[in-house]
Amino acid sequence: MTDSERGGESLRSGGTMTKTNLLIVSCSKSKRSDPDLLPAIARYDGPTFRLIRRFIKLHPSANLDLWILSAKYGLISSDRAIADYDQKMTEIRAKELRSVACLQLNEIVGSHSYERVLLCMGKTYLQSLEGFNLDSNTTIARGGMGQKLGELYRWLYGESSHERD
């Protein structure tokens, strides 16, 4: 897939090849309603994004490559400028996105040797990634929203799950 097929985006969310951790999260229903275009990381405002933004603020040099699976836009880099919208991920939409999203994700993963990969999203969003080649470095956050947030926190901050029990 070329940059133009991805909407002009480079493969690297942050433009560097030194990132060692890949985080893929779903978009959120909560969004900032600013009329102007905003980077996706700023547009989405659910608990997952607040946690990620706080982590990035505390650790600006973290080796984190962040991509977002959007019901409207598909798989996008966190710095892609997007408009406000309201579109829910449905099973039909997940199937529509599947081939392109899996191709993109396999290309992203294939372009760099990530130490860790975390997929943090609900079941319907995961349907968009059926066909993605999981490897031993890939973790899928499981459970309800609170459990996924806890797993994301531990993944970002490097705590084992036993340290917080």
N, C-alpha and C. Protein backbone atom coordinates (compact mmCIF):
# COMPACT_ATOMS: atom_id res chain seq x y z
N MET A 1 0.86 -1.17 0.00
CA MET A 1 0.00 0.00 0.00
C MET A 1 0.90 1.23 0.00
N THR A 2 0.59 2.16 -0.87
CA THR A 2 1.40 3.37 -0.95
C THR A 2 0.89 4.42 0.02
N ASP A 3 1.70 5.46 0.24
CA ASP A 3 1.29 6.56 1.11
C ASP A 3 0.00 7.19 0.61
N SER A 4 -0.14 7.32 -0.71
CA SER A 4 -1.35 7.95 -1.24
C SER A 4 -2.58 7.08 -1.00
N GLU A 5 -2.42 5.76 -1.02
CA GLU A 5 -3.54 4.87 -0.71
C GLU A 5 -3.94 4.96 0.75
N ARG A 6 -3.01 5.35 1.62
CA ARG A 6 -3.30 5.52 3.04
C ARG A 6 -3.72 6.94 3.35
N GLY A 7 -3.98 7.73 2.32
CA GLY A 7 -4.38 9.11 2.56
C GLY A 7 -3.18 10.02 2.79
N GLY A 8 -2.00 9.64 2.25
CA GLY A 8 -0.82 10.47 2.36
C GLY A 8 -0.04 10.29 3.64
N GLU A 9 -0.46 9.38 4.48
CA GLU A 9 0.23 9.19 5.75
C GLU A 9 1.46 8.31 5.57
N SER A 10 2.47 8.56 6.34
CA SER A 10 3.61 7.67 6.36
C SER A 10 3.27 6.49 7.25
N LEU A 11 4.01 5.42 7.11
CA LEU A 11 3.77 4.23 7.93
C LEU A 11 3.97 4.51 9.40
N ARG A 12 4.92 5.31 9.74
CA ARG A 12 5.23 5.57 11.13
C ARG A 12 4.33 6.68 11.65
N SER A 13 3.63 6.42 12.69
CA SER A 13 2.75 7.43 13.27
C SER A 13 3.55 8.66 13.68
N GLY A 14 4.71 8.44 14.25
CA GLY A 14 5.51 9.56 14.70
C GLY A 14 6.65 9.90 13.77
N GLY A 15 6.77 9.23 12.64
CA GLY A 15 7.77 9.54 11.64
C GLY A 15 9.17 9.04 11.96
N THR A 16 9.32 8.15 12.91
CA THR A 16 10.65 7.66 13.27
C THR A 16 10.66 6.14 13.26
N MET A 17 11.80 5.58 12.99
CA MET A 17 11.91 4.12 12.94
C MET A 17 12.43 3.55 14.26
N THR A 18 12.52 4.34 15.32
CA THR A 18 13.06 3.85 16.58
C THR A 18 11.98 3.35 17.54
N LYS A 19 10.73 3.42 17.17
CA LYS A 19 9.66 3.04 18.08
C LYS A 19 9.61 1.52 18.23
N THR A 20 9.50 1.07 19.45
CA THR A 20 9.58 -0.37 19.71
C THR A 20 8.29 -0.98 20.21
N ASN A 21 7.30 -0.16 20.54
CA ASN A 21 6.02 -0.66 21.02
C ASN A 21 4.91 -0.12 20.13
N LEU A 22 4.01 -1.01 19.73
CA LEU A 22 2.90 -0.63 18.87
C LEU A 22 1.60 -0.80 19.65
N LEU A 23 0.83 0.28 19.70
CA LEU A 23 -0.46 0.27 20.37
C LEU A 23 -1.53 0.59 19.35
N ILE A 24 -2.51 -0.30 19.24
CA ILE A 24 -3.66 -0.08 18.36
C ILE A 24 -4.89 -0.03 19.26
N VAL A 25 -5.60 1.09 19.24
CA VAL A 25 -6.80 1.25 20.05
C VAL A 25 -7.97 1.61 19.14
N SER A 26 -9.17 1.38 19.64
CA SER A 26 -10.35 1.79 18.89
C SER A 26 -10.63 3.26 19.19
N CYS A 27 -11.37 3.87 18.28
CA CYS A 27 -11.80 5.25 18.52
C CYS A 27 -12.76 5.26 19.71
N SER A 28 -13.20 6.43 20.10
CA SER A 28 -14.15 6.50 21.22
C SER A 28 -15.36 7.32 20.82
N LYS A 29 -16.47 7.02 21.47
CA LYS A 29 -17.69 7.78 21.24
C LYS A 29 -17.50 9.23 21.70
N SER A 30 -16.78 9.40 22.82
CA SER A 30 -16.51 10.75 23.34
C SER A 30 -15.46 11.42 22.48
N LYS A 31 -15.83 12.57 21.95
CA LYS A 31 -14.92 13.33 21.10
C LYS A 31 -15.02 14.80 21.44
N ARG A 32 -13.91 15.51 21.23
CA ARG A 32 -13.96 16.97 21.32
C ARG A 32 -14.74 17.47 20.10
N SER A 33 -15.65 18.38 20.32
CA SER A 33 -16.54 18.83 19.24
C SER A 33 -16.04 20.05 18.50
N ASP A 34 -14.76 20.38 18.65
CA ASP A 34 -14.18 21.53 17.94
C ASP A 34 -14.53 21.44 16.45
N PRO A 35 -14.91 22.56 15.84
CA PRO A 35 -15.27 22.52 14.42
C PRO A 35 -14.06 22.33 13.49
N ASP A 36 -12.87 22.66 13.96
CA ASP A 36 -11.66 22.52 13.15
C ASP A 36 -11.18 21.07 13.17
N LEU A 37 -10.34 20.73 12.21
CA LEU A 37 -9.69 19.43 12.21
C LEU A 37 -8.76 19.35 13.42
N LEU A 38 -8.69 18.20 14.04
CA LEU A 38 -7.78 17.96 15.17
C LEU A 38 -7.04 16.66 14.93
N PRO A 39 -5.81 16.52 15.45
CA PRO A 39 -5.15 15.22 15.40
C PRO A 39 -6.04 14.20 16.13
N ALA A 40 -6.08 12.99 15.62
CA ALA A 40 -6.95 11.97 16.21
C ALA A 40 -6.70 11.81 17.71
N ILE A 41 -5.46 11.86 18.14
CA ILE A 41 -5.13 11.70 19.56
C ILE A 41 -5.78 12.80 20.41
N ALA A 42 -6.01 13.96 19.82
CA ALA A 42 -6.67 15.06 20.53
C ALA A 42 -8.19 15.02 20.35
N ARG A 43 -8.66 14.55 19.20
CA ARG A 43 -10.10 14.52 18.91
C ARG A 43 -10.83 13.56 19.85
N TYR A 44 -10.31 12.34 19.97
CA TYR A 44 -10.97 11.34 20.80
C TYR A 44 -10.72 11.66 22.27
N ASP A 45 -11.77 11.52 23.09
CA ASP A 45 -11.64 11.97 24.46
C ASP A 45 -12.20 10.98 25.48
N GLY A 46 -12.28 9.72 25.12
CA GLY A 46 -12.73 8.71 26.07
C GLY A 46 -11.62 8.37 27.06
N PRO A 47 -11.92 7.52 28.03
CA PRO A 47 -10.94 7.15 29.07
C PRO A 47 -9.63 6.58 28.52
N THR A 48 -9.71 5.81 27.46
CA THR A 48 -8.49 5.24 26.85
C THR A 48 -7.57 6.36 26.38
N PHE A 49 -8.15 7.35 25.73
CA PHE A 49 -7.34 8.44 25.18
C PHE A 49 -6.81 9.37 26.26
N ARG A 50 -7.58 9.55 27.32
CA ARG A 50 -7.06 10.36 28.43
C ARG A 50 -5.86 9.67 29.07
N LEU A 51 -5.94 8.35 29.22
CA LEU A 51 -4.82 7.58 29.78
C LEU A 51 -3.59 7.67 28.87
N ILE A 52 -3.80 7.52 27.58
CA ILE A 52 -2.68 7.57 26.63
C ILE A 52 -2.06 8.97 26.61
N ARG A 53 -2.88 10.01 26.56
CA ARG A 53 -2.33 11.37 26.54
C ARG A 53 -1.55 11.68 27.82
N ARG A 54 -2.05 11.21 28.96
CA ARG A 54 -1.34 11.42 30.22
C ARG A 54 0.01 10.69 30.19
N PHE A 55 0.02 9.46 29.66
CA PHE A 55 1.28 8.72 29.55
C PHE A 55 2.27 9.46 28.65
N ILE A 56 1.81 9.93 27.49
CA ILE A 56 2.69 10.63 26.55
C ILE A 56 3.22 11.92 27.17
N LYS A 57 2.38 12.61 27.94
CA LYS A 57 2.82 13.84 28.61
C LYS A 57 3.92 13.54 29.63
N LEU A 58 3.76 12.44 30.37
CA LEU A 58 4.74 12.06 31.38
C LEU A 58 6.00 11.43 30.78
N HIS A 59 5.84 10.81 29.62
CA HIS A 59 6.94 10.08 28.97
C HIS A 59 7.03 10.48 27.50
N PRO A 60 7.38 11.72 27.20
CA PRO A 60 7.37 12.20 25.81
C PRO A 60 8.35 11.47 24.90
N SER A 61 9.37 10.83 25.46
CA SER A 61 10.33 10.12 24.62
C SER A 61 10.06 8.61 24.59
N ALA A 62 8.89 8.20 25.05
CA ALA A 62 8.55 6.76 25.04
C ALA A 62 8.56 6.23 23.61
N ASN A 63 8.99 5.02 23.47
CA ASN A 63 9.03 4.37 22.16
C ASN A 63 7.67 3.76 21.86
N LEU A 64 6.72 4.62 21.51
CA LEU A 64 5.34 4.20 21.30
C LEU A 64 4.86 4.64 19.93
N ASP A 65 4.38 3.69 19.17
CA ASP A 65 3.76 3.95 17.88
C ASP A 65 2.27 3.71 18.07
N LEU A 66 1.45 4.74 17.92
CA LEU A 66 0.03 4.67 18.22
C LEU A 66 -0.81 4.80 16.96
N TRP A 67 -1.69 3.82 16.76
CA TRP A 67 -2.63 3.82 15.64
C TRP A 67 -4.02 3.63 16.21
N ILE A 68 -5.00 4.15 15.51
CA ILE A 68 -6.39 4.14 15.98
C ILE A 68 -7.28 3.51 14.91
N LEU A 69 -8.11 2.58 15.33
CA LEU A 69 -9.09 1.99 14.43
C LEU A 69 -10.40 2.76 14.59
N SER A 70 -10.73 3.52 13.58
CA SER A 70 -11.89 4.40 13.59
C SER A 70 -13.02 3.79 12.77
N ALA A 71 -14.24 3.88 13.29
CA ALA A 71 -15.39 3.38 12.56
C ALA A 71 -15.58 4.15 11.24
N LYS A 72 -15.22 5.41 11.24
CA LYS A 72 -15.38 6.22 10.03
C LYS A 72 -14.17 6.13 9.10
N TYR A 73 -12.97 6.29 9.67
CA TYR A 73 -11.77 6.45 8.86
C TYR A 73 -10.95 5.18 8.66
N GLY A 74 -11.24 4.11 9.39
CA GLY A 74 -10.43 2.91 9.32
C GLY A 74 -9.22 3.05 10.22
N LEU A 75 -8.13 2.40 9.88
CA LEU A 75 -6.91 2.43 10.69
C LEU A 75 -6.12 3.69 10.34
N ILE A 76 -5.96 4.58 11.34
CA ILE A 76 -5.30 5.87 11.11
C ILE A 76 -4.21 6.10 12.14
N SER A 77 -3.24 6.90 11.77
CA SER A 77 -2.19 7.27 12.72
C SER A 77 -2.77 8.26 13.73
N SER A 78 -2.19 8.29 14.89
CA SER A 78 -2.70 9.16 15.95
C SER A 78 -2.56 10.64 15.63
N ASP A 79 -1.68 10.99 14.71
CA ASP A 79 -1.50 12.39 14.36
C ASP A 79 -2.30 12.84 13.15
N ARG A 80 -3.08 11.94 12.58
CA ARG A 80 -3.91 12.31 11.42
C ARG A 80 -5.00 13.29 11.85
N ALA A 81 -5.12 14.39 11.13
CA ALA A 81 -6.14 15.39 11.43
C ALA A 81 -7.50 14.88 10.94
N ILE A 82 -8.47 14.90 11.85
CA ILE A 82 -9.81 14.42 11.51
C ILE A 82 -10.87 15.41 11.99
N ALA A 83 -12.01 15.36 11.35
CA ALA A 83 -13.16 16.19 11.73
C ALA A 83 -13.97 15.46 12.80
N ASP A 84 -14.83 16.19 13.47
CA ASP A 84 -15.76 15.59 14.42
C ASP A 84 -16.76 14.75 13.62
N TYR A 85 -17.18 13.64 14.16
CA TYR A 85 -18.14 12.77 13.49
C TYR A 85 -18.83 11.90 14.53
N ASP A 86 -19.86 11.21 14.10
CA ASP A 86 -20.55 10.26 14.96
C ASP A 86 -20.90 9.05 14.12
N GLN A 87 -20.08 8.03 14.22
CA GLN A 87 -20.32 6.78 13.50
C GLN A 87 -19.93 5.63 14.39
N LYS A 88 -20.85 4.73 14.61
CA LYS A 88 -20.62 3.58 15.48
C LYS A 88 -20.08 2.41 14.65
N MET A 89 -19.18 1.66 15.26
CA MET A 89 -18.67 0.45 14.60
C MET A 89 -19.74 -0.63 14.71
N THR A 90 -20.15 -1.12 13.57
CA THR A 90 -21.11 -2.22 13.50
C THR A 90 -20.41 -3.43 12.88
N GLU A 91 -21.04 -4.58 12.96
CA GLU A 91 -20.45 -5.76 12.32
C GLU A 91 -20.31 -5.55 10.82
N ILE A 92 -21.30 -4.90 10.22
CA ILE A 92 -21.23 -4.62 8.78
C ILE A 92 -20.05 -3.70 8.47
N ARG A 93 -19.88 -2.65 9.26
CA ARG A 93 -18.77 -1.71 9.03
C ARG A 93 -17.43 -2.41 9.27
N ALA A 94 -17.37 -3.26 10.29
CA ALA A 94 -16.14 -4.00 10.56
C ALA A 94 -15.75 -4.85 9.36
N LYS A 95 -16.71 -5.50 8.75
CA LYS A 95 -16.43 -6.32 7.55
C LYS A 95 -15.97 -5.45 6.39
N GLU A 96 -16.58 -4.26 6.25
CA GLU A 96 -16.17 -3.34 5.18
C GLU A 96 -14.72 -2.90 5.34
N LEU A 97 -14.29 -2.70 6.57
CA LEU A 97 -12.93 -2.21 6.84
C LEU A 97 -11.88 -3.32 6.84
N ARG A 98 -12.30 -4.55 7.00
CA ARG A 98 -11.39 -5.66 7.30
C ARG A 98 -10.21 -5.78 6.33
N SER A 99 -10.45 -5.86 5.05
CA SER A 99 -9.34 -6.15 4.13
C SER A 99 -8.29 -5.05 4.15
N VAL A 100 -8.71 -3.79 4.11
CA VAL A 100 -7.76 -2.68 4.11
C VAL A 100 -7.07 -2.57 5.46
N ALA A 101 -7.84 -2.70 6.55
CA ALA A 101 -7.24 -2.57 7.90
C ALA A 101 -6.22 -3.66 8.14
N CYS A 102 -6.51 -4.89 7.75
CA CYS A 102 -5.54 -5.98 7.95
C CYS A 102 -4.30 -5.80 7.09
N LEU A 103 -4.50 -5.37 5.86
CA LEU A 103 -3.36 -5.10 4.98
C LEU A 103 -2.48 -4.01 5.58
N GLN A 104 -3.10 -2.93 6.04
CA GLN A 104 -2.34 -1.84 6.66
C GLN A 104 -1.60 -2.33 7.90
N LEU A 105 -2.29 -3.04 8.77
CA LEU A 105 -1.68 -3.47 10.02
C LEU A 105 -0.54 -4.45 9.77
N ASN A 106 -0.73 -5.37 8.84
CA ASN A 106 0.37 -6.29 8.50
C ASN A 106 1.55 -5.53 7.93
N GLU A 107 1.30 -4.46 7.17
CA GLU A 107 2.39 -3.64 6.63
C GLU A 107 3.09 -2.87 7.75
N ILE A 108 2.31 -2.31 8.67
CA ILE A 108 2.89 -1.56 9.78
C ILE A 108 3.79 -2.48 10.61
N VAL A 109 3.27 -3.64 10.97
CA VAL A 109 4.03 -4.59 11.79
C VAL A 109 5.23 -5.12 11.02
N GLY A 110 5.05 -5.36 9.72
CA GLY A 110 6.14 -5.89 8.90
C GLY A 110 7.25 -4.88 8.65
N SER A 111 6.95 -3.60 8.82
CA SER A 111 7.94 -2.56 8.53
C SER A 111 8.89 -2.31 9.69
N HIS A 112 8.62 -2.91 10.84
CA HIS A 112 9.42 -2.65 12.03
C HIS A 112 9.37 -3.86 12.95
N SER A 113 10.42 -4.06 13.67
CA SER A 113 10.46 -5.16 14.63
C SER A 113 10.02 -4.63 15.99
N TYR A 114 8.74 -4.75 16.27
CA TYR A 114 8.21 -4.26 17.55
C TYR A 114 8.50 -5.27 18.66
N GLU A 115 8.88 -4.74 19.82
CA GLU A 115 9.07 -5.59 20.98
C GLU A 115 7.72 -6.06 21.51
N ARG A 116 6.74 -5.14 21.51
CA ARG A 116 5.41 -5.46 22.03
C ARG A 116 4.34 -4.79 21.16
N VAL A 117 3.22 -5.50 21.03
CA VAL A 117 2.07 -4.98 20.32
C VAL A 117 0.85 -5.22 21.20
N LEU A 118 0.03 -4.18 21.39
CA LEU A 118 -1.20 -4.32 22.16
C LEU A 118 -2.37 -3.86 21.30
N LEU A 119 -3.39 -4.72 21.20
CA LEU A 119 -4.66 -4.37 20.57
C LEU A 119 -5.64 -4.14 21.71
N CYS A 120 -6.14 -2.92 21.84
CA CYS A 120 -7.03 -2.56 22.93
C CYS A 120 -8.33 -2.01 22.33
N MET A 121 -9.31 -2.89 22.20
CA MET A 121 -10.57 -2.52 21.56
C MET A 121 -11.62 -3.57 21.86
N GLY A 122 -12.87 -3.25 21.57
CA GLY A 122 -13.97 -4.17 21.77
C GLY A 122 -14.05 -5.23 20.68
N LYS A 123 -14.95 -6.18 20.89
CA LYS A 123 -15.09 -7.32 19.98
C LYS A 123 -15.45 -6.92 18.56
N THR A 124 -16.33 -5.94 18.41
CA THR A 124 -16.74 -5.54 17.07
C THR A 124 -15.57 -4.92 16.32
N TYR A 125 -14.78 -4.11 16.99
CA TYR A 125 -13.59 -3.53 16.36
C TYR A 125 -12.59 -4.63 16.00
N LEU A 126 -12.43 -5.62 16.87
CA LEU A 126 -11.51 -6.72 16.58
C LEU A 126 -11.91 -7.47 15.31
N GLN A 127 -13.21 -7.50 15.00
CA GLN A 127 -13.66 -8.15 13.78
C GLN A 127 -13.04 -7.50 12.55
N SER A 128 -12.73 -6.22 12.65
CA SER A 128 -12.07 -5.52 11.53
C SER A 128 -10.67 -6.03 11.29
N LEU A 129 -10.09 -6.65 12.29
CA LEU A 129 -8.70 -7.11 12.18
C LEU A 129 -8.58 -8.62 12.04
N GLU A 130 -9.70 -9.31 11.82
CA GLU A 130 -9.63 -10.75 11.57
C GLU A 130 -8.82 -10.94 10.30
N GLY A 131 -7.79 -11.75 10.40
CA GLY A 131 -6.88 -11.94 9.27
C GLY A 131 -5.52 -11.31 9.54
N PHE A 132 -5.43 -10.47 10.58
CA PHE A 132 -4.13 -9.93 10.98
C PHE A 132 -3.31 -11.07 11.55
N ASN A 133 -2.06 -11.16 11.15
CA ASN A 133 -1.18 -12.24 11.59
C ASN A 133 -0.61 -11.94 12.97
N LEU A 134 -1.26 -12.48 14.00
CA LEU A 134 -0.79 -12.31 15.37
C LEU A 134 0.50 -13.08 15.57
N ASP A 135 1.41 -12.52 16.36
CA ASP A 135 2.61 -13.25 16.73
C ASP A 135 2.75 -13.25 18.24
N SER A 136 3.83 -13.81 18.72
CA SER A 136 4.01 -13.97 20.17
C SER A 136 4.17 -12.64 20.90
N ASN A 137 4.47 -11.56 20.17
CA ASN A 137 4.63 -10.24 20.80
C ASN A 137 3.31 -9.48 20.90
N THR A 138 2.24 -10.05 20.37
CA THR A 138 0.95 -9.36 20.32
C THR A 138 0.05 -9.80 21.46
N THR A 139 -0.50 -8.81 22.16
CA THR A 139 -1.46 -9.04 23.23
C THR A 139 -2.76 -8.38 22.84
N ILE A 140 -3.87 -9.06 23.13
CA ILE A 140 -5.19 -8.47 22.94
C ILE A 140 -5.76 -8.22 24.33
N ALA A 141 -6.08 -6.97 24.62
CA ALA A 141 -6.68 -6.64 25.92
C ALA A 141 -8.07 -7.27 25.97
N ARG A 142 -8.36 -7.96 27.06
CA ARG A 142 -9.62 -8.70 27.20
C ARG A 142 -10.45 -8.14 28.34
N GLY A 143 -11.71 -8.54 28.38
CA GLY A 143 -12.58 -8.17 29.48
C GLY A 143 -13.38 -6.92 29.18
N GLY A 144 -13.99 -6.38 30.23
CA GLY A 144 -14.77 -5.15 30.11
C GLY A 144 -13.86 -3.94 30.02
N MET A 145 -14.49 -2.77 29.93
CA MET A 145 -13.73 -1.52 29.76
C MET A 145 -12.72 -1.31 30.88
N GLY A 146 -13.12 -1.53 32.13
CA GLY A 146 -12.20 -1.35 33.25
C GLY A 146 -11.01 -2.28 33.18
N GLN A 147 -11.24 -3.53 32.80
CA GLN A 147 -10.15 -4.49 32.68
C GLN A 147 -9.21 -4.10 31.54
N LYS A 148 -9.78 -3.66 30.43
CA LYS A 148 -8.93 -3.23 29.30
C LYS A 148 -8.10 -2.01 29.68
N LEU A 149 -8.70 -1.06 30.39
CA LEU A 149 -7.94 0.12 30.83
C LEU A 149 -6.82 -0.28 31.77
N GLY A 150 -7.09 -1.21 32.67
CA GLY A 150 -6.06 -1.70 33.57
C GLY A 150 -4.92 -2.36 32.82
N GLU A 151 -5.27 -3.17 31.83
CA GLU A 151 -4.24 -3.83 31.04
C GLU A 151 -3.44 -2.82 30.23
N LEU A 152 -4.13 -1.82 29.67
CA LEU A 152 -3.43 -0.77 28.93
C LEU A 152 -2.49 -0.01 29.85
N TYR A 153 -2.94 0.33 31.05
CA TYR A 153 -2.10 1.03 32.02
C TYR A 153 -0.84 0.20 32.31
N ARG A 154 -1.01 -1.06 32.60
CA ARG A 154 0.15 -1.92 32.91
C ARG A 154 1.08 -2.04 31.70
N TRP A 155 0.51 -2.13 30.51
CA TRP A 155 1.30 -2.26 29.30
C TRP A 155 2.11 -0.98 29.07
N LEU A 156 1.48 0.18 29.24
CA LEU A 156 2.17 1.45 29.03
C LEU A 156 3.25 1.70 30.07
N TYR A 157 2.91 1.48 31.33
CA TYR A 157 3.81 1.84 32.42
C TYR A 157 4.75 0.70 32.83
N GLY A 158 4.58 -0.46 32.23
CA GLY A 158 5.51 -1.56 32.46
C GLY A 158 5.31 -2.32 33.74
N GLU A 159 4.14 -2.20 34.35
CA GLU A 159 3.87 -2.95 35.57
C GLU A 159 3.34 -4.33 35.21
N SER A 160 3.73 -5.32 35.97
CA SER A 160 3.13 -6.63 35.79
C SER A 160 1.75 -6.60 36.42
N SER A 161 0.87 -7.48 35.96
CA SER A 161 -0.49 -7.48 36.48
C SER A 161 -0.53 -7.81 37.96
N HIS A 162 0.50 -8.49 38.48
CA HIS A 162 0.51 -8.86 39.89
C HIS A 162 0.84 -7.68 40.81
N GLU A 163 1.51 -6.65 40.27
CA GLU A 163 1.88 -5.51 41.09
C GLU A 163 0.67 -4.67 41.48
N ARG A 164 -0.42 -4.76 40.74
CA ARG A 164 -1.59 -3.92 40.99
C ARG A 164 -2.74 -4.71 41.63
N ASP A 165 -2.60 -6.01 41.80
CA ASP A 165 -3.69 -6.82 42.37
C ASP A 165 -3.86 -6.57 43.83
